[in-house]
Amino acid sequence: MPKGRRRGTTSDGGPGARGRGTLAGKELFLFDLDGVFYKGKESRVKLGGTKAVEALRERGRRLLVVTNNSTDSTETIWRRLAEFDIPVRREEVLTSGALTAEFLKEKHGEVTYFLVGEDGLEEEMSRLGHRRSDRDGTKFVVIGLDRKLTYEKLDRAARLARAGARLVATHSSRVYMSKDGPAMAPGPIVKALEFASGAKATIIGKPSPLMFKMALKRGSCSSGAAVMVGDQLETDYEGARRARIDFILVKTGVDRSAEGGGILAVLPSVDSLTRLL
């Protein structure tokens, strides 16, 4: 971490741990998904969340799930959380795919787009009236994680971008937490298309502050009264820092230790959050 940042506290039995009441002034809790509630895309393993969400409900606190996941729709993620007995409501799930579709609708209306991504992203785009296209004149290239990416698709996207289509990416992180550890995320795909086309992508998801601004608006909350709970420093922490939101790291995902301004605690799991309320 860069010099000059103060060391974060821990709440896993280490020195400097803070106890109950640390989060007394927080009204809105933003949770990452992969590496926090569960891990893996093909075969998911629950990490926690039931106790943490129930404790927040009991105390009248608000929460949102803010995930860079674009391969699944909002509906799919909500149903999966219910299957894991994590009582999150559908309207509390904000995916990078859904927010990308909302951003485009708000700024440009219903648009034509070429998809570099999977079914969940296409579902969110279609839901708001955007039309998929691979023809010349397509207005946007929308980029998400694409585990069936081919050279042909990547080359077509680059050609459209060179012809004037704008690049919009669900997020630009390097890795996500799979069942077997960190796996490649859309960031390298975004970089490849930027390099091939000479265009610069608009990034919606973490660490872009856009996702956090949209989440704060949805939660009717100021940045000072919110806290982000995540497992990655490059995405969750850095995005929260840019949005002036405090951060809690859970050690069930990509990163296991942290220091820096705005880091309130380092926890062994998301359900350990209950000891700070």
Protein backbone atom coordinates (compact mmCIF):
# COMPACT_ATOMS: atom_id res chain seq x y z
CA MET A 1 0.00 0.00 0.00
CA PRO A 2 1.27 3.54 -0.63
CA LYS A 3 3.10 5.34 2.13
CA GLY A 4 1.24 7.70 4.39
CA ARG A 5 -1.85 5.58 4.96
CA ARG A 6 -2.62 4.67 8.53
CA ARG A 7 -2.76 1.02 9.49
CA GLY A 8 -6.21 -0.53 9.57
CA THR A 9 -7.57 -2.23 12.66
CA THR A 10 -8.35 -5.91 12.92
CA SER A 11 -11.20 -7.78 14.55
CA ASP A 12 -9.95 -11.33 14.26
CA GLY A 13 -8.12 -11.53 17.54
CA GLY A 14 -5.08 -9.57 16.36
CA PRO A 15 -3.59 -6.45 17.93
CA GLY A 16 -5.70 -3.32 17.72
CA ALA A 17 -8.99 -5.15 17.32
CA ARG A 18 -12.10 -3.07 17.84
CA GLY A 19 -15.17 -4.40 19.57
CA ARG A 20 -18.91 -3.89 19.50
CA GLY A 21 -20.08 -0.42 18.56
CA THR A 22 -17.44 0.27 15.87
CA LEU A 23 -20.21 0.67 13.27
CA ALA A 24 -22.65 2.59 15.44
CA GLY A 25 -22.91 5.51 12.99
CA LYS A 26 -23.32 3.45 9.82
CA GLU A 27 -26.75 3.37 8.19
CA LEU A 28 -26.06 1.57 4.87
CA PHE A 29 -23.98 -1.59 4.47
CA LEU A 30 -22.69 -2.42 0.98
CA PHE A 31 -21.67 -6.05 0.49
CA ASP A 32 -19.58 -7.61 -2.24
CA LEU A 33 -20.79 -11.06 -3.35
CA ASP A 34 -18.05 -13.43 -4.58
CA GLY A 35 -15.52 -14.02 -1.83
CA VAL A 36 -17.89 -12.63 0.84
CA PHE A 37 -21.22 -14.52 0.76
CA TYR A 38 -20.00 -17.39 -1.44
CA LYS A 39 -17.23 -18.30 -3.86
CA GLY A 40 -17.19 -20.00 -7.25
CA LYS A 41 -19.27 -19.60 -10.40
CA GLU A 42 -19.63 -23.16 -11.68
CA SER A 43 -19.87 -24.79 -8.23
CA ARG A 44 -20.61 -22.35 -5.43
CA VAL A 45 -19.66 -22.71 -1.77
CA LYS A 46 -21.36 -20.59 0.90
CA LEU A 47 -19.00 -18.51 3.05
CA GLY A 48 -21.54 -16.81 5.32
CA GLY A 49 -24.00 -13.93 5.39
CA THR A 50 -27.12 -15.24 7.12
CA LYS A 51 -26.12 -14.03 10.59
CA ALA A 52 -24.78 -10.70 9.35
CA VAL A 53 -27.90 -9.82 7.34
CA GLU A 54 -30.25 -10.92 10.13
CA ALA A 55 -28.33 -8.81 12.65
CA LEU A 56 -28.58 -5.75 10.40
CA ARG A 57 -32.32 -6.30 9.97
CA GLU A 58 -32.79 -6.54 13.74
CA ARG A 59 -31.01 -3.22 14.21
CA GLY A 60 -32.92 -1.43 11.45
CA ARG A 61 -29.88 -0.95 9.20
CA ARG A 62 -30.12 -0.86 5.39
CA LEU A 63 -28.06 -3.02 3.03
CA LEU A 64 -27.28 -3.52 -0.64
CA VAL A 65 -25.30 -6.19 -2.45
CA VAL A 66 -23.01 -4.44 -4.95
CA THR A 67 -21.38 -7.05 -7.13
CA ASN A 68 -19.19 -6.89 -10.22
CA ASN A 69 -20.81 -10.15 -11.33
CA SER A 70 -22.21 -9.63 -14.83
CA THR A 71 -22.60 -13.27 -15.87
CA ASP A 72 -25.75 -13.70 -13.75
CA SER A 73 -28.90 -11.60 -13.78
CA THR A 74 -30.26 -9.82 -10.70
CA GLU A 75 -33.02 -12.41 -10.49
CA THR A 76 -30.57 -15.32 -10.58
CA ILE A 77 -28.39 -13.87 -7.84
CA TRP A 78 -31.38 -13.08 -5.62
CA ARG A 79 -32.69 -16.65 -5.94
CA ARG A 80 -29.26 -18.07 -5.22
CA LEU A 81 -28.92 -16.00 -2.05
CA ALA A 82 -32.33 -17.29 -0.96
CA GLU A 83 -31.17 -20.87 -1.56
CA PHE A 84 -28.19 -20.17 0.70
CA ASP A 85 -30.62 -18.82 3.35
CA ILE A 86 -29.20 -15.29 3.07
CA PRO A 87 -32.26 -13.01 3.45
CA VAL A 88 -31.44 -10.33 0.87
CA ARG A 89 -34.38 -8.80 -1.03
CA ARG A 90 -34.40 -8.65 -4.81
CA GLU A 91 -34.34 -4.85 -4.87
CA GLU A 92 -31.24 -4.92 -2.68
CA VAL A 93 -29.15 -6.67 -5.36
CA LEU A 94 -27.16 -4.33 -7.62
CA THR A 95 -25.08 -6.07 -10.30
CA SER A 96 -22.57 -4.41 -12.62
CA GLY A 97 -24.62 -5.73 -15.55
CA ALA A 98 -27.88 -4.16 -14.35
CA LEU A 99 -26.16 -0.87 -13.51
CA THR A 100 -24.48 -0.82 -16.94
CA ALA A 101 -27.90 -1.18 -18.58
CA GLU A 102 -29.33 1.55 -16.32
CA PHE A 103 -26.40 3.90 -17.02
CA LEU A 104 -26.82 3.56 -20.78
CA LYS A 105 -30.60 4.02 -20.58
CA GLU A 106 -30.25 7.16 -18.46
CA LYS A 107 -27.51 8.73 -20.58
CA HIS A 108 -28.40 7.58 -24.11
CA GLY A 109 -31.86 6.00 -24.10
CA GLU A 110 -32.33 2.59 -25.71
CA VAL A 111 -29.20 1.71 -27.69
CA THR A 112 -27.80 -0.92 -30.03
CA TYR A 113 -24.84 -2.83 -28.62
CA PHE A 114 -22.39 -5.59 -29.45
CA LEU A 115 -22.01 -8.02 -26.54
CA VAL A 116 -18.76 -9.33 -25.15
CA GLY A 117 -20.27 -11.14 -22.20
CA GLU A 118 -22.70 -13.83 -21.08
CA ASP A 119 -26.44 -14.44 -20.74
CA GLY A 120 -26.92 -12.51 -17.48
CA LEU A 121 -25.58 -9.31 -19.01
CA GLU A 122 -27.69 -9.72 -22.14
CA GLU A 123 -30.79 -10.27 -19.97
CA GLU A 124 -30.21 -7.03 -18.08
CA MET A 125 -29.58 -5.08 -21.28
CA SER A 126 -32.69 -6.50 -22.97
CA ARG A 127 -34.84 -5.79 -19.90
CA LEU A 128 -34.26 -2.05 -20.37
CA GLY A 129 -34.91 -2.11 -24.10
CA HIS A 130 -31.35 -2.18 -25.47
CA ARG A 131 -30.96 -4.15 -28.72
CA ARG A 132 -28.10 -6.54 -29.42
CA SER A 133 -26.40 -6.09 -32.80
CA ASP A 134 -23.22 -6.97 -34.67
CA ARG A 135 -23.84 -4.67 -37.64
CA ASP A 136 -21.86 -1.64 -38.70
CA GLY A 137 -23.23 1.43 -36.95
CA THR A 138 -23.77 -0.36 -33.63
CA LYS A 139 -23.48 2.35 -30.99
CA PHE A 140 -21.80 0.52 -28.09
CA VAL A 141 -19.58 -2.43 -27.30
CA VAL A 142 -20.63 -3.70 -23.86
CA ILE A 143 -17.97 -5.76 -22.08
CA GLY A 144 -18.36 -8.23 -19.23
CA LEU A 145 -16.81 -11.52 -18.23
CA ASP A 146 -17.04 -13.88 -21.22
CA ARG A 147 -15.87 -17.44 -20.55
CA LYS A 148 -16.55 -18.44 -24.17
CA LEU A 149 -14.62 -15.54 -25.68
CA THR A 150 -13.22 -16.18 -29.16
CA TYR A 151 -10.76 -14.30 -31.32
CA GLU A 152 -13.56 -13.67 -33.83
CA LYS A 153 -15.75 -11.99 -31.19
CA LEU A 154 -12.87 -9.92 -29.82
CA ASP A 155 -11.81 -8.83 -33.30
CA ARG A 156 -15.38 -7.84 -34.24
CA ALA A 157 -15.68 -5.78 -31.07
CA ALA A 158 -12.41 -4.00 -31.84
CA ARG A 159 -13.51 -3.28 -35.44
CA LEU A 160 -16.80 -1.78 -34.24
CA ALA A 161 -14.94 0.36 -31.70
CA ARG A 162 -12.55 1.62 -34.36
CA ALA A 163 -15.59 2.52 -36.45
CA GLY A 164 -17.02 4.64 -33.64
CA ALA A 165 -18.83 2.34 -31.21
CA ARG A 166 -18.17 3.36 -27.61
CA LEU A 167 -16.70 0.88 -25.14
CA VAL A 168 -18.62 0.40 -21.90
CA ALA A 169 -17.40 -2.20 -19.38
CA THR A 170 -19.29 -3.70 -16.48
CA HIS A 171 -16.02 -3.54 -14.55
CA SER A 172 -12.27 -3.73 -15.07
CA SER A 173 -10.92 -5.89 -12.25
CA ARG A 174 -8.19 -8.40 -12.99
CA VAL A 175 -9.57 -11.36 -11.03
CA TYR A 176 -12.65 -12.66 -9.26
CA MET A 177 -12.82 -15.33 -6.52
CA SER A 178 -13.62 -18.71 -8.08
CA LYS A 179 -14.05 -21.95 -6.14
CA ASP A 180 -10.42 -22.80 -6.92
CA GLY A 181 -8.98 -19.36 -6.21
CA PRO A 182 -8.59 -16.10 -8.15
CA ALA A 183 -9.60 -16.43 -11.82
CA MET A 184 -9.34 -13.95 -14.69
CA ALA A 185 -12.02 -11.23 -14.73
CA PRO A 186 -13.02 -8.79 -17.53
CA GLY A 187 -10.15 -6.35 -16.91
CA PRO A 188 -7.75 -8.03 -19.38
CA ILE A 189 -10.52 -8.14 -22.01
CA VAL A 190 -11.14 -4.41 -21.54
CA LYS A 191 -7.42 -3.67 -21.88
CA ALA A 192 -7.19 -5.76 -25.06
CA LEU A 193 -10.08 -3.88 -26.70
CA GLU A 194 -8.77 -0.49 -25.62
CA PHE A 195 -5.35 -1.33 -27.06
CA ALA A 196 -6.78 -2.74 -30.31
CA SER A 197 -9.16 0.16 -30.92
CA GLY A 198 -7.42 3.15 -29.38
CA ALA A 199 -10.65 3.92 -27.52
CA LYS A 200 -11.12 4.35 -23.78
CA ALA A 201 -13.81 2.37 -22.00
CA THR A 202 -16.32 3.82 -19.55
CA ILE A 203 -16.16 1.61 -16.45
CA ILE A 204 -19.31 1.09 -14.37
CA GLY A 205 -18.37 -1.42 -11.63
CA LYS A 206 -15.77 -1.42 -8.87
CA PRO A 207 -13.30 0.23 -8.47
CA SER A 208 -15.06 2.93 -10.49
CA PRO A 209 -16.88 5.32 -8.14
CA LEU A 210 -19.88 5.17 -10.50
CA MET A 211 -21.19 1.97 -8.89
CA PHE A 212 -20.85 3.48 -5.42
CA LYS A 213 -22.58 6.71 -6.42
CA MET A 214 -25.48 4.72 -7.87
CA ALA A 215 -25.63 2.55 -4.73
CA LEU A 216 -25.66 5.56 -2.39
CA LYS A 217 -28.46 7.10 -4.45
CA ARG A 218 -30.42 3.83 -4.33
CA GLY A 219 -29.87 3.59 -0.57
CA SER A 220 -30.65 7.27 0.09
CA CYS A 221 -27.45 7.58 2.09
CA SER A 222 -24.41 9.85 2.33
CA SER A 223 -20.94 8.39 1.87
CA GLY A 224 -20.02 9.04 5.50
CA ALA A 225 -22.91 6.93 6.78
CA ALA A 226 -22.08 3.95 4.54
CA VAL A 227 -19.55 1.12 4.82
CA MET A 228 -18.34 -1.36 2.19
CA VAL A 229 -17.68 -5.00 3.11
CA GLY A 230 -15.50 -6.81 0.56
CA ASP A 231 -12.63 -9.20 -0.10
CA GLN A 232 -10.53 -7.34 -2.70
CA LEU A 233 -8.35 -4.29 -2.18
CA GLU A 234 -8.06 -3.40 -5.88
CA THR A 235 -11.82 -3.30 -6.40
CA ASP A 236 -13.83 -3.14 -3.16
CA TYR A 237 -11.43 -1.06 -1.08
CA GLU A 238 -10.14 1.19 -3.85
CA GLY A 239 -13.64 1.94 -5.13
CA ALA A 240 -14.88 2.67 -1.61
CA ARG A 241 -11.88 4.91 -0.97
CA ARG A 242 -12.55 6.92 -4.13
CA ALA A 243 -16.18 7.32 -3.07
CA ARG A 244 -15.14 8.31 0.49
CA ILE A 245 -16.80 5.25 2.02
CA ASP A 246 -15.23 3.32 4.92
CA PHE A 247 -14.21 -0.28 4.29
CA ILE A 248 -14.13 -3.66 6.04
CA LEU A 249 -12.06 -6.51 4.60
CA VAL A 250 -13.17 -10.13 5.03
CA LYS A 251 -10.46 -12.79 4.68
CA THR A 252 -12.52 -15.36 2.76
CA GLY A 253 -11.64 -14.11 -0.70
CA VAL A 254 -8.75 -12.66 -2.71
CA ASP A 255 -6.94 -10.57 -0.06
CA ARG A 256 -6.14 -11.61 3.49
CA SER A 257 -4.60 -8.50 5.07
CA ALA A 258 -4.78 -4.76 4.59
CA GLU A 259 -3.69 -1.40 5.81
CA GLY A 260 -4.89 1.97 4.69
CA GLY A 261 -7.00 5.00 5.38
CA GLY A 262 -10.66 4.19 5.82
CA ILE A 263 -10.16 0.51 6.68
CA LEU A 264 -12.23 -0.05 9.80
CA ALA A 265 -11.53 -3.74 10.35
CA VAL A 266 -10.21 -7.02 8.96
CA LEU A 267 -12.57 -9.90 9.72
CA PRO A 268 -12.24 -13.68 9.32
CA SER A 269 -15.69 -13.87 7.66
CA VAL A 270 -18.72 -11.74 6.88
CA ASP A 271 -20.69 -13.09 9.85
CA SER A 272 -17.98 -11.75 12.16
CA LEU A 273 -19.50 -8.37 11.37
CA THR A 274 -22.06 -9.01 14.12
CA ARG A 275 -19.45 -8.38 16.81
CA LEU A 276 -18.96 -4.81 15.58
CA LEU A 277 -22.63 -3.80 15.55
